[in-house]
């Protein structure tokens, strides 16, 4: 009976966890293997080298935070406002796991400040997000400037909310985020 291989996705998830915890320098094959409780030999059955893992980590992140989310939003149909409501709900409910969630996004944004290829990838992801939002908002906002403002606000609130430590008066952060979503749909 042969040994069970650690799935490729586990290596990628652990790589993203390491990235979140310590930046790209923390993504080390030996450390990942130890965390997974396996030998590092299994790594080379999936990846040529560390660089290949880093690329697949970015590929996975990009797909999960763009195309996968868009597919979820589009799967149940509805008009643009309904799909935006669904998008905002999906984003709000996203757990802060190794792929989706704010901490992975922030770690990749930080990495992009020091790596031009990662910065280009991030730009592509942000452009895809903005293009999708434009397609939805433009269906009920005839003013191109208004569409652009709503798109930028939606993306900025998603990213900036992570950095905001202020109290929200009598409301919880979730309540305020719901209010923002409602205002963007007006």
N, C-alpha and C. Protein backbone atom coordinates (compact mmCIF):
# COMPACT_ATOMS: atom_id res chain seq x y z
N UNK A 1 0.85 -1.17 0.00
CA UNK A 1 0.00 0.00 0.00
C UNK A 1 0.89 1.24 0.00
N UNK A 2 0.67 2.17 -0.96
CA UNK A 2 1.50 3.36 -1.09
C UNK A 2 1.13 4.44 -0.08
N UNK A 3 2.05 5.33 0.12
CA UNK A 3 1.82 6.44 1.02
C UNK A 3 0.85 7.44 0.38
N UNK A 4 0.03 8.05 1.18
CA UNK A 4 -0.90 9.06 0.70
C UNK A 4 -0.15 10.36 0.51
N UNK A 5 -0.31 10.95 -0.65
CA UNK A 5 0.35 12.23 -0.93
C UNK A 5 -0.47 13.38 -0.37
N UNK A 6 0.23 14.38 0.10
CA UNK A 6 -0.43 15.61 0.53
C UNK A 6 -0.94 16.31 -0.73
N UNK A 7 -2.21 16.64 -0.79
CA UNK A 7 -2.75 17.27 -2.00
C UNK A 7 -2.06 18.60 -2.33
N UNK A 8 -1.96 18.87 -3.61
CA UNK A 8 -1.35 20.10 -4.12
C UNK A 8 -1.97 21.33 -3.44
N UNK A 9 -3.30 21.33 -3.32
CA UNK A 9 -3.99 22.46 -2.71
C UNK A 9 -3.57 22.75 -1.29
N UNK A 10 -3.19 21.71 -0.55
CA UNK A 10 -2.73 21.91 0.83
C UNK A 10 -1.42 22.68 0.86
N UNK A 11 -0.53 22.37 -0.09
CA UNK A 11 0.74 23.10 -0.18
C UNK A 11 0.46 24.58 -0.48
N UNK A 12 -0.47 24.83 -1.39
CA UNK A 12 -0.81 26.20 -1.76
C UNK A 12 -1.45 26.93 -0.59
N UNK A 13 -2.40 26.29 0.10
CA UNK A 13 -3.03 26.91 1.27
C UNK A 13 -2.01 27.24 2.35
N UNK A 14 -1.12 26.29 2.63
CA UNK A 14 -0.10 26.54 3.67
C UNK A 14 0.85 27.64 3.22
N UNK A 15 1.14 27.68 1.93
CA UNK A 15 1.97 28.77 1.40
C UNK A 15 1.30 30.12 1.61
N UNK A 16 0.02 30.18 1.35
CA UNK A 16 -0.71 31.44 1.57
C UNK A 16 -0.79 31.79 3.05
N UNK A 17 -0.95 30.79 3.91
CA UNK A 17 -0.93 31.06 5.36
C UNK A 17 0.43 31.63 5.78
N UNK A 18 1.49 31.05 5.25
CA UNK A 18 2.84 31.53 5.57
C UNK A 18 3.02 32.95 5.04
N UNK A 19 2.51 33.23 3.85
CA UNK A 19 2.59 34.58 3.28
C UNK A 19 1.90 35.58 4.19
N UNK A 20 0.71 35.25 4.65
CA UNK A 20 -0.04 36.14 5.54
C UNK A 20 0.73 36.35 6.84
N UNK A 21 1.31 35.30 7.37
CA UNK A 21 2.00 35.38 8.66
C UNK A 21 3.33 36.13 8.59
N UNK A 22 4.04 35.99 7.47
CA UNK A 22 5.39 36.56 7.45
C UNK A 22 5.89 37.09 6.12
N UNK A 23 5.00 37.24 5.16
CA UNK A 23 5.43 37.75 3.86
C UNK A 23 6.01 36.65 3.00
N UNK A 24 6.40 36.99 1.78
CA UNK A 24 6.90 35.97 0.85
C UNK A 24 8.16 35.26 1.35
N UNK A 25 8.94 35.93 2.18
CA UNK A 25 10.15 35.30 2.72
C UNK A 25 9.82 34.12 3.63
N UNK A 26 8.62 34.14 4.20
CA UNK A 26 8.20 33.06 5.11
C UNK A 26 7.73 31.81 4.38
N UNK A 27 7.56 31.91 3.06
CA UNK A 27 7.11 30.76 2.28
C UNK A 27 8.34 29.92 1.96
N UNK A 28 8.61 28.95 2.81
CA UNK A 28 9.78 28.08 2.71
C UNK A 28 9.33 26.64 2.66
N UNK A 29 9.88 25.90 1.73
CA UNK A 29 9.47 24.51 1.50
C UNK A 29 9.62 23.67 2.76
N UNK A 30 10.75 23.80 3.44
CA UNK A 30 11.00 22.98 4.64
C UNK A 30 9.98 23.28 5.73
N UNK A 31 9.69 24.57 5.90
CA UNK A 31 8.75 24.98 6.93
C UNK A 31 7.33 24.50 6.58
N UNK A 32 6.97 24.63 5.31
CA UNK A 32 5.64 24.16 4.88
C UNK A 32 5.50 22.67 5.10
N UNK A 33 6.54 21.92 4.74
CA UNK A 33 6.50 20.47 4.93
C UNK A 33 6.33 20.12 6.40
N UNK A 34 7.07 20.81 7.25
CA UNK A 34 6.97 20.56 8.68
C UNK A 34 5.56 20.88 9.19
N UNK A 35 5.00 22.00 8.74
CA UNK A 35 3.65 22.38 9.14
C UNK A 35 2.63 21.35 8.69
N UNK A 36 2.83 20.82 7.48
CA UNK A 36 1.91 19.80 6.94
C UNK A 36 2.18 18.42 7.52
N UNK A 37 3.30 18.26 8.21
CA UNK A 37 3.65 16.97 8.80
C UNK A 37 4.09 15.94 7.77
N UNK A 38 4.76 16.42 6.72
CA UNK A 38 5.23 15.54 5.66
C UNK A 38 6.68 15.87 5.33
N UNK A 39 7.29 15.03 4.50
CA UNK A 39 8.64 15.34 4.05
C UNK A 39 8.56 16.32 2.89
N UNK A 40 9.63 17.05 2.67
CA UNK A 40 9.60 18.03 1.59
C UNK A 40 9.69 17.38 0.21
N UNK A 41 9.99 16.09 0.16
CA UNK A 41 10.05 15.39 -1.12
C UNK A 41 8.74 15.42 -1.88
N UNK A 42 7.62 15.38 -1.16
CA UNK A 42 6.31 15.43 -1.80
C UNK A 42 6.06 16.74 -2.53
N UNK A 43 6.68 17.78 -2.05
CA UNK A 43 6.55 19.09 -2.68
C UNK A 43 6.97 19.03 -4.14
N UNK A 44 8.09 18.35 -4.39
CA UNK A 44 8.67 18.32 -5.74
C UNK A 44 7.87 17.44 -6.70
N UNK A 45 6.92 16.69 -6.20
CA UNK A 45 6.01 15.96 -7.07
C UNK A 45 4.98 16.89 -7.72
N UNK A 46 4.82 18.08 -7.14
CA UNK A 46 3.85 19.05 -7.65
C UNK A 46 4.50 20.30 -8.23
N UNK A 47 5.59 20.72 -7.61
CA UNK A 47 6.18 22.01 -7.97
C UNK A 47 7.65 21.83 -8.34
N UNK A 48 8.05 22.56 -9.36
CA UNK A 48 9.45 22.51 -9.81
C UNK A 48 10.38 23.11 -8.75
N UNK A 49 9.90 24.21 -8.14
CA UNK A 49 10.70 24.92 -7.14
C UNK A 49 9.79 25.88 -6.36
N UNK A 50 10.38 26.63 -5.48
CA UNK A 50 9.64 27.58 -4.65
C UNK A 50 8.94 28.62 -5.52
N UNK A 51 9.60 29.08 -6.56
CA UNK A 51 9.00 30.07 -7.45
C UNK A 51 7.72 29.56 -8.09
N UNK A 52 7.70 28.28 -8.46
CA UNK A 52 6.48 27.69 -9.03
C UNK A 52 5.35 27.69 -8.00
N UNK A 53 5.68 27.40 -6.74
CA UNK A 53 4.67 27.46 -5.69
C UNK A 53 4.13 28.88 -5.54
N UNK A 54 5.02 29.86 -5.50
CA UNK A 54 4.58 31.25 -5.34
C UNK A 54 3.64 31.65 -6.49
N UNK A 55 3.98 31.23 -7.71
CA UNK A 55 3.12 31.52 -8.86
C UNK A 55 1.76 30.86 -8.70
N UNK A 56 1.73 29.61 -8.28
CA UNK A 56 0.45 28.92 -8.10
C UNK A 56 -0.35 29.49 -6.94
N UNK A 57 0.34 30.00 -5.93
CA UNK A 57 -0.37 30.67 -4.85
C UNK A 57 -1.10 31.90 -5.40
N UNK A 58 -0.41 32.67 -6.22
CA UNK A 58 -1.03 33.86 -6.82
C UNK A 58 -2.15 33.46 -7.78
N UNK A 59 -1.93 32.40 -8.57
CA UNK A 59 -2.98 31.92 -9.48
C UNK A 59 -4.24 31.55 -8.71
N UNK A 60 -4.05 30.82 -7.63
CA UNK A 60 -5.19 30.37 -6.81
C UNK A 60 -5.90 31.57 -6.21
N UNK A 61 -5.14 32.48 -5.61
CA UNK A 61 -5.72 33.67 -5.02
C UNK A 61 -6.50 34.46 -6.07
N UNK A 62 -5.88 34.70 -7.21
CA UNK A 62 -6.53 35.49 -8.26
C UNK A 62 -7.86 34.85 -8.69
N UNK A 63 -7.84 33.57 -8.93
CA UNK A 63 -9.07 32.91 -9.36
C UNK A 63 -10.15 32.97 -8.28
N UNK A 64 -9.77 32.70 -7.05
CA UNK A 64 -10.76 32.64 -5.97
C UNK A 64 -11.36 33.99 -5.62
N UNK A 65 -10.59 35.07 -5.77
CA UNK A 65 -11.12 36.39 -5.40
C UNK A 65 -11.74 37.14 -6.58
N UNK A 66 -11.64 36.58 -7.78
CA UNK A 66 -12.27 37.22 -8.93
C UNK A 66 -13.28 36.27 -9.58
N UNK A 67 -12.79 35.38 -10.41
CA UNK A 67 -13.68 34.53 -11.21
C UNK A 67 -14.61 33.68 -10.35
N UNK A 68 -14.12 33.12 -9.29
CA UNK A 68 -14.96 32.28 -8.44
C UNK A 68 -16.08 33.10 -7.79
N UNK A 69 -15.75 34.28 -7.32
CA UNK A 69 -16.76 35.15 -6.72
C UNK A 69 -17.78 35.59 -7.77
N UNK A 70 -17.30 35.99 -8.94
CA UNK A 70 -18.20 36.42 -10.00
C UNK A 70 -19.12 35.27 -10.42
N UNK A 71 -18.58 34.07 -10.52
CA UNK A 71 -19.41 32.90 -10.85
C UNK A 71 -20.50 32.69 -9.80
N UNK A 72 -20.16 32.84 -8.52
CA UNK A 72 -21.16 32.70 -7.46
C UNK A 72 -22.25 33.76 -7.60
N UNK A 73 -21.84 34.99 -7.87
CA UNK A 73 -22.80 36.08 -7.99
C UNK A 73 -23.72 35.85 -9.19
N UNK A 74 -23.15 35.44 -10.30
CA UNK A 74 -23.92 35.27 -11.53
C UNK A 74 -24.78 34.01 -11.53
N UNK A 75 -24.44 33.04 -10.71
CA UNK A 75 -25.10 31.73 -10.78
C UNK A 75 -26.60 31.78 -10.51
N UNK A 76 -27.05 32.70 -9.69
CA UNK A 76 -28.48 32.77 -9.37
C UNK A 76 -29.21 33.84 -10.16
N UNK A 77 -28.52 34.51 -11.07
CA UNK A 77 -29.16 35.50 -11.94
C UNK A 77 -29.67 36.70 -11.18
N UNK A 78 -30.69 37.32 -11.75
CA UNK A 78 -31.26 38.52 -11.16
C UNK A 78 -30.78 39.77 -11.85
N UNK A 79 -31.41 40.89 -11.51
CA UNK A 79 -30.98 42.15 -12.10
C UNK A 79 -29.68 42.60 -11.43
N UNK A 80 -29.15 43.71 -11.90
CA UNK A 80 -27.85 44.18 -11.41
C UNK A 80 -27.86 44.50 -9.91
N UNK A 81 -28.92 45.09 -9.41
CA UNK A 81 -29.00 45.39 -7.98
C UNK A 81 -29.01 44.10 -7.15
N UNK A 82 -29.74 43.12 -7.63
CA UNK A 82 -29.79 41.83 -6.93
C UNK A 82 -28.41 41.18 -6.93
N UNK A 83 -27.72 41.24 -8.04
CA UNK A 83 -26.38 40.65 -8.11
C UNK A 83 -25.39 41.43 -7.24
N UNK A 84 -25.53 42.76 -7.20
CA UNK A 84 -24.66 43.54 -6.31
C UNK A 84 -24.93 43.19 -4.85
N UNK A 85 -26.20 43.06 -4.48
CA UNK A 85 -26.53 42.65 -3.11
C UNK A 85 -25.89 41.30 -2.79
N UNK A 86 -25.96 40.39 -3.74
CA UNK A 86 -25.36 39.06 -3.56
C UNK A 86 -23.85 39.19 -3.42
N UNK A 87 -23.24 40.00 -4.27
CA UNK A 87 -21.79 40.22 -4.19
C UNK A 87 -21.40 40.77 -2.83
N UNK A 88 -22.10 41.80 -2.37
CA UNK A 88 -21.77 42.39 -1.07
C UNK A 88 -21.95 41.38 0.05
N UNK A 89 -22.97 40.54 -0.05
CA UNK A 89 -23.20 39.51 0.98
C UNK A 89 -22.09 38.46 0.95
N UNK A 90 -21.67 38.05 -0.22
CA UNK A 90 -20.59 37.06 -0.34
C UNK A 90 -19.30 37.62 0.25
N UNK A 91 -19.00 38.86 -0.08
CA UNK A 91 -17.78 39.49 0.43
C UNK A 91 -17.85 39.65 1.95
N UNK A 92 -19.00 40.07 2.44
CA UNK A 92 -19.16 40.26 3.89
C UNK A 92 -19.06 38.94 4.65
N UNK A 93 -19.54 37.86 4.03
CA UNK A 93 -19.56 36.56 4.71
C UNK A 93 -18.27 35.79 4.54
N UNK A 94 -17.37 36.26 3.69
CA UNK A 94 -16.13 35.53 3.44
C UNK A 94 -15.33 35.41 4.74
N UNK A 95 -14.99 34.19 5.06
CA UNK A 95 -14.15 33.97 6.23
C UNK A 95 -12.72 34.36 5.88
N UNK A 96 -11.97 34.67 6.86
CA UNK A 96 -10.60 35.11 6.61
C UNK A 96 -9.69 33.89 6.52
N UNK A 97 -9.92 33.08 5.51
CA UNK A 97 -9.14 31.87 5.29
C UNK A 97 -7.86 32.16 4.54
N UNK A 98 -7.17 31.12 4.17
CA UNK A 98 -5.87 31.29 3.53
C UNK A 98 -5.94 31.87 2.12
N UNK A 99 -7.07 31.75 1.44
CA UNK A 99 -7.17 32.24 0.07
C UNK A 99 -8.03 33.48 0.00
N UNK A 100 -9.27 33.37 0.44
CA UNK A 100 -10.15 34.52 0.43
C UNK A 100 -10.07 35.21 1.78
N UNK A 101 -10.52 36.41 1.80
CA UNK A 101 -10.50 37.15 3.04
C UNK A 101 -9.50 38.29 2.97
N UNK A 102 -9.63 39.16 3.91
CA UNK A 102 -8.86 40.39 3.90
C UNK A 102 -7.38 40.17 4.16
N UNK A 103 -7.02 39.25 5.04
CA UNK A 103 -5.60 39.13 5.38
C UNK A 103 -4.77 38.65 4.19
N UNK A 104 -5.30 37.73 3.40
CA UNK A 104 -4.57 37.29 2.20
C UNK A 104 -4.44 38.45 1.22
N UNK A 105 -5.52 39.19 1.05
CA UNK A 105 -5.50 40.35 0.16
C UNK A 105 -4.45 41.35 0.62
N UNK A 106 -4.41 41.63 1.92
CA UNK A 106 -3.45 42.60 2.45
C UNK A 106 -2.01 42.09 2.30
N UNK A 107 -1.81 40.81 2.51
CA UNK A 107 -0.46 40.25 2.37
C UNK A 107 0.03 40.36 0.93
N UNK A 108 -0.86 40.12 -0.02
CA UNK A 108 -0.47 40.23 -1.43
C UNK A 108 -0.25 41.68 -1.80
N UNK A 109 -1.05 42.59 -1.27
CA UNK A 109 -0.83 44.02 -1.52
C UNK A 109 0.53 44.47 -0.96
N UNK A 110 0.87 43.96 0.20
CA UNK A 110 2.17 44.30 0.78
C UNK A 110 3.31 43.74 -0.09
N UNK A 111 3.18 42.51 -0.52
CA UNK A 111 4.17 41.87 -1.38
C UNK A 111 4.31 42.65 -2.69
N UNK A 112 3.21 43.14 -3.22
CA UNK A 112 3.21 43.88 -4.48
C UNK A 112 4.01 45.17 -4.39
N UNK A 113 4.15 45.71 -3.20
CA UNK A 113 4.96 46.93 -3.04
C UNK A 113 6.43 46.68 -3.32
N UNK A 114 6.86 45.42 -3.23
CA UNK A 114 8.28 45.09 -3.41
C UNK A 114 8.57 44.22 -4.62
N UNK A 115 7.53 43.81 -5.34
CA UNK A 115 7.73 42.89 -6.46
C UNK A 115 6.86 43.33 -7.63
N UNK A 116 7.51 43.74 -8.72
CA UNK A 116 6.79 44.28 -9.88
C UNK A 116 5.83 43.26 -10.50
N UNK A 117 6.21 42.00 -10.55
CA UNK A 117 5.33 40.98 -11.14
C UNK A 117 4.08 40.79 -10.28
N UNK A 118 4.23 40.83 -8.98
CA UNK A 118 3.08 40.70 -8.07
C UNK A 118 2.22 41.96 -8.18
N UNK A 119 2.85 43.11 -8.32
CA UNK A 119 2.11 44.36 -8.49
C UNK A 119 1.27 44.31 -9.76
N UNK A 120 1.81 43.75 -10.83
CA UNK A 120 1.05 43.62 -12.07
C UNK A 120 -0.13 42.66 -11.88
N UNK A 121 0.09 41.59 -11.16
CA UNK A 121 -0.99 40.63 -10.88
C UNK A 121 -2.08 41.32 -10.06
N UNK A 122 -1.69 42.06 -9.05
CA UNK A 122 -2.65 42.78 -8.22
C UNK A 122 -3.44 43.79 -9.05
N UNK A 123 -2.76 44.49 -9.93
CA UNK A 123 -3.44 45.44 -10.81
C UNK A 123 -4.49 44.73 -11.66
N UNK A 124 -4.13 43.56 -12.17
CA UNK A 124 -5.07 42.78 -12.98
C UNK A 124 -6.31 42.39 -12.16
N UNK A 125 -6.09 41.94 -10.93
CA UNK A 125 -7.19 41.55 -10.05
C UNK A 125 -8.07 42.76 -9.74
N UNK A 126 -7.46 43.87 -9.36
CA UNK A 126 -8.25 45.07 -9.04
C UNK A 126 -9.00 45.57 -10.27
N UNK A 127 -8.37 45.51 -11.44
CA UNK A 127 -9.06 45.92 -12.67
C UNK A 127 -10.23 45.00 -12.97
N UNK A 128 -10.07 43.71 -12.75
CA UNK A 128 -11.17 42.77 -12.98
C UNK A 128 -12.32 43.07 -12.03
N UNK A 129 -12.00 43.33 -10.78
CA UNK A 129 -13.04 43.67 -9.80
C UNK A 129 -13.77 44.95 -10.22
N UNK A 130 -13.01 45.97 -10.59
CA UNK A 130 -13.61 47.24 -11.00
C UNK A 130 -14.45 47.07 -12.26
N UNK A 131 -13.96 46.33 -13.24
CA UNK A 131 -14.72 46.11 -14.48
C UNK A 131 -16.04 45.42 -14.19
N UNK A 132 -16.01 44.44 -13.30
CA UNK A 132 -17.25 43.74 -12.96
C UNK A 132 -18.22 44.69 -12.26
N UNK A 133 -17.73 45.45 -11.31
CA UNK A 133 -18.59 46.42 -10.65
C UNK A 133 -19.16 47.43 -11.64
N UNK A 134 -18.32 47.92 -12.56
CA UNK A 134 -18.80 48.86 -13.59
C UNK A 134 -19.96 48.25 -14.38
N UNK A 135 -19.80 46.97 -14.74
CA UNK A 135 -20.85 46.33 -15.53
C UNK A 135 -22.18 46.28 -14.77
N UNK A 136 -22.11 46.13 -13.48
CA UNK A 136 -23.33 46.08 -12.68
C UNK A 136 -23.90 47.47 -12.41
N UNK A 137 -23.06 48.37 -11.91
CA UNK A 137 -23.55 49.71 -11.58
C UNK A 137 -24.04 50.45 -12.83
N UNK A 138 -23.41 50.26 -13.96
CA UNK A 138 -23.79 51.00 -15.17
C UNK A 138 -25.18 50.59 -15.68
N UNK A 139 -25.69 49.46 -15.23
CA UNK A 139 -27.02 49.06 -15.68
C UNK A 139 -28.13 49.89 -15.05
N UNK A 140 -27.84 50.56 -13.93
CA UNK A 140 -28.88 51.41 -13.33
C UNK A 140 -28.38 52.82 -13.01
N UNK A 141 -27.12 53.09 -13.29
CA UNK A 141 -26.57 54.44 -13.13
C UNK A 141 -26.16 54.95 -14.52
N UNK A 142 -26.91 55.87 -15.09
CA UNK A 142 -26.57 56.33 -16.44
C UNK A 142 -25.35 57.25 -16.48
N UNK A 143 -24.98 57.84 -15.36
CA UNK A 143 -23.87 58.77 -15.29
C UNK A 143 -22.55 58.01 -15.09
N UNK A 144 -21.66 58.10 -16.06
CA UNK A 144 -20.38 57.38 -15.97
C UNK A 144 -19.56 57.79 -14.74
N UNK A 145 -19.61 59.06 -14.39
CA UNK A 145 -18.89 59.52 -13.20
C UNK A 145 -19.45 58.87 -11.94
N UNK A 146 -20.77 58.78 -11.85
CA UNK A 146 -21.41 58.14 -10.70
C UNK A 146 -21.03 56.66 -10.62
N UNK A 147 -20.99 56.00 -11.76
CA UNK A 147 -20.57 54.59 -11.81
C UNK A 147 -19.16 54.45 -11.26
N UNK A 148 -18.28 55.30 -11.71
CA UNK A 148 -16.88 55.21 -11.28
C UNK A 148 -16.74 55.48 -9.79
N UNK A 149 -17.48 56.46 -9.28
CA UNK A 149 -17.44 56.78 -7.85
C UNK A 149 -17.93 55.58 -7.03
N UNK A 150 -19.04 54.99 -7.43
CA UNK A 150 -19.58 53.84 -6.69
C UNK A 150 -18.61 52.66 -6.71
N UNK A 151 -18.01 52.43 -7.85
CA UNK A 151 -17.05 51.31 -7.95
C UNK A 151 -15.85 51.54 -7.04
N UNK A 152 -15.29 52.74 -7.11
CA UNK A 152 -14.13 53.03 -6.28
C UNK A 152 -14.48 52.98 -4.80
N UNK A 153 -15.64 53.50 -4.43
CA UNK A 153 -16.06 53.42 -3.03
C UNK A 153 -16.21 51.97 -2.58
N UNK A 154 -16.84 51.15 -3.39
CA UNK A 154 -17.05 49.75 -3.01
C UNK A 154 -15.72 49.04 -2.79
N UNK A 155 -14.79 49.21 -3.70
CA UNK A 155 -13.49 48.55 -3.56
C UNK A 155 -12.70 49.14 -2.40
N UNK A 156 -12.72 50.46 -2.28
CA UNK A 156 -11.96 51.12 -1.22
C UNK A 156 -12.47 50.75 0.17
N UNK A 157 -13.78 50.66 0.31
CA UNK A 157 -14.35 50.27 1.61
C UNK A 157 -13.94 48.85 1.94
N UNK A 158 -13.97 47.96 0.97
CA UNK A 158 -13.58 46.56 1.19
C UNK A 158 -12.14 46.46 1.68
N UNK A 159 -11.26 47.20 1.04
CA UNK A 159 -9.85 47.13 1.41
C UNK A 159 -9.57 47.96 2.66
N UNK A 160 -10.08 49.18 2.69
CA UNK A 160 -9.79 50.09 3.80
C UNK A 160 -10.41 49.69 5.12
N UNK A 161 -11.51 48.97 5.08
CA UNK A 161 -12.18 48.56 6.31
C UNK A 161 -11.24 47.78 7.22
N UNK A 162 -10.32 47.05 6.62
CA UNK A 162 -9.36 46.26 7.40
C UNK A 162 -8.45 47.14 8.26
N UNK A 163 -8.19 48.35 7.79
CA UNK A 163 -7.26 49.24 8.48
C UNK A 163 -7.94 50.19 9.46
N UNK A 164 -9.24 50.28 9.42
CA UNK A 164 -9.97 51.23 10.25
C UNK A 164 -10.19 50.65 11.64
N UNK A 165 -9.66 51.35 12.64
CA UNK A 165 -9.79 50.90 14.02
C UNK A 165 -10.84 51.71 14.79
N UNK A 166 -11.45 52.69 14.13
CA UNK A 166 -12.40 53.57 14.81
C UNK A 166 -13.66 52.83 15.21
N UNK A 167 -14.27 53.31 16.30
CA UNK A 167 -15.58 52.81 16.70
C UNK A 167 -16.62 53.39 15.74
N UNK A 168 -17.76 52.77 15.67
CA UNK A 168 -18.81 53.21 14.76
C UNK A 168 -20.02 53.74 15.50
N UNK A 169 -19.79 54.49 16.54
CA UNK A 169 -20.90 55.06 17.30
C UNK A 169 -21.74 53.96 17.92
N UNK A 170 -23.03 54.06 17.71
CA UNK A 170 -23.96 53.09 18.30
C UNK A 170 -24.12 51.84 17.43
N UNK A 171 -23.50 51.83 16.27
CA UNK A 171 -23.65 50.72 15.33
C UNK A 171 -22.41 49.84 15.34
N UNK A 172 -22.61 48.60 14.98
CA UNK A 172 -21.47 47.69 14.82
C UNK A 172 -20.83 47.95 13.46
N UNK A 173 -19.65 47.47 13.26
CA UNK A 173 -18.98 47.60 11.97
C UNK A 173 -19.81 46.92 10.88
N UNK A 174 -20.37 45.77 11.18
CA UNK A 174 -21.19 45.05 10.20
C UNK A 174 -22.41 45.88 9.80
N UNK A 175 -23.03 46.54 10.78
CA UNK A 175 -24.19 47.38 10.46
C UNK A 175 -23.80 48.54 9.55
N UNK A 176 -22.67 49.15 9.83
CA UNK A 176 -22.21 50.26 8.99
C UNK A 176 -21.88 49.78 7.59
N UNK A 177 -21.26 48.62 7.49
CA UNK A 177 -20.95 48.06 6.17
C UNK A 177 -22.24 47.77 5.41
N UNK A 178 -23.27 47.30 6.09
CA UNK A 178 -24.58 47.08 5.45
C UNK A 178 -25.17 48.42 4.95
N UNK A 179 -25.04 49.45 5.76
CA UNK A 179 -25.54 50.77 5.35
C UNK A 179 -24.80 51.27 4.10
N UNK A 180 -23.51 51.07 4.06
CA UNK A 180 -22.72 51.49 2.89
C UNK A 180 -23.22 50.73 1.66
N UNK A 181 -23.40 49.43 1.81
CA UNK A 181 -23.88 48.62 0.68
C UNK A 181 -25.23 49.12 0.20
N UNK A 182 -26.13 49.42 1.14
CA UNK A 182 -27.46 49.92 0.77
C UNK A 182 -27.36 51.25 0.02
N UNK A 183 -26.49 52.15 0.49
CA UNK A 183 -26.33 53.47 -0.15
C UNK A 183 -25.75 53.32 -1.56
N UNK A 184 -24.85 52.38 -1.72
CA UNK A 184 -24.27 52.17 -3.06
C UNK A 184 -25.30 51.66 -4.05
N UNK A 185 -26.33 51.00 -3.55
CA UNK A 185 -27.38 50.45 -4.40
C UNK A 185 -28.50 51.45 -4.70
N UNK A 186 -28.54 52.57 -3.96
CA UNK A 186 -29.60 53.58 -4.19
C UNK A 186 -29.44 54.25 -5.54
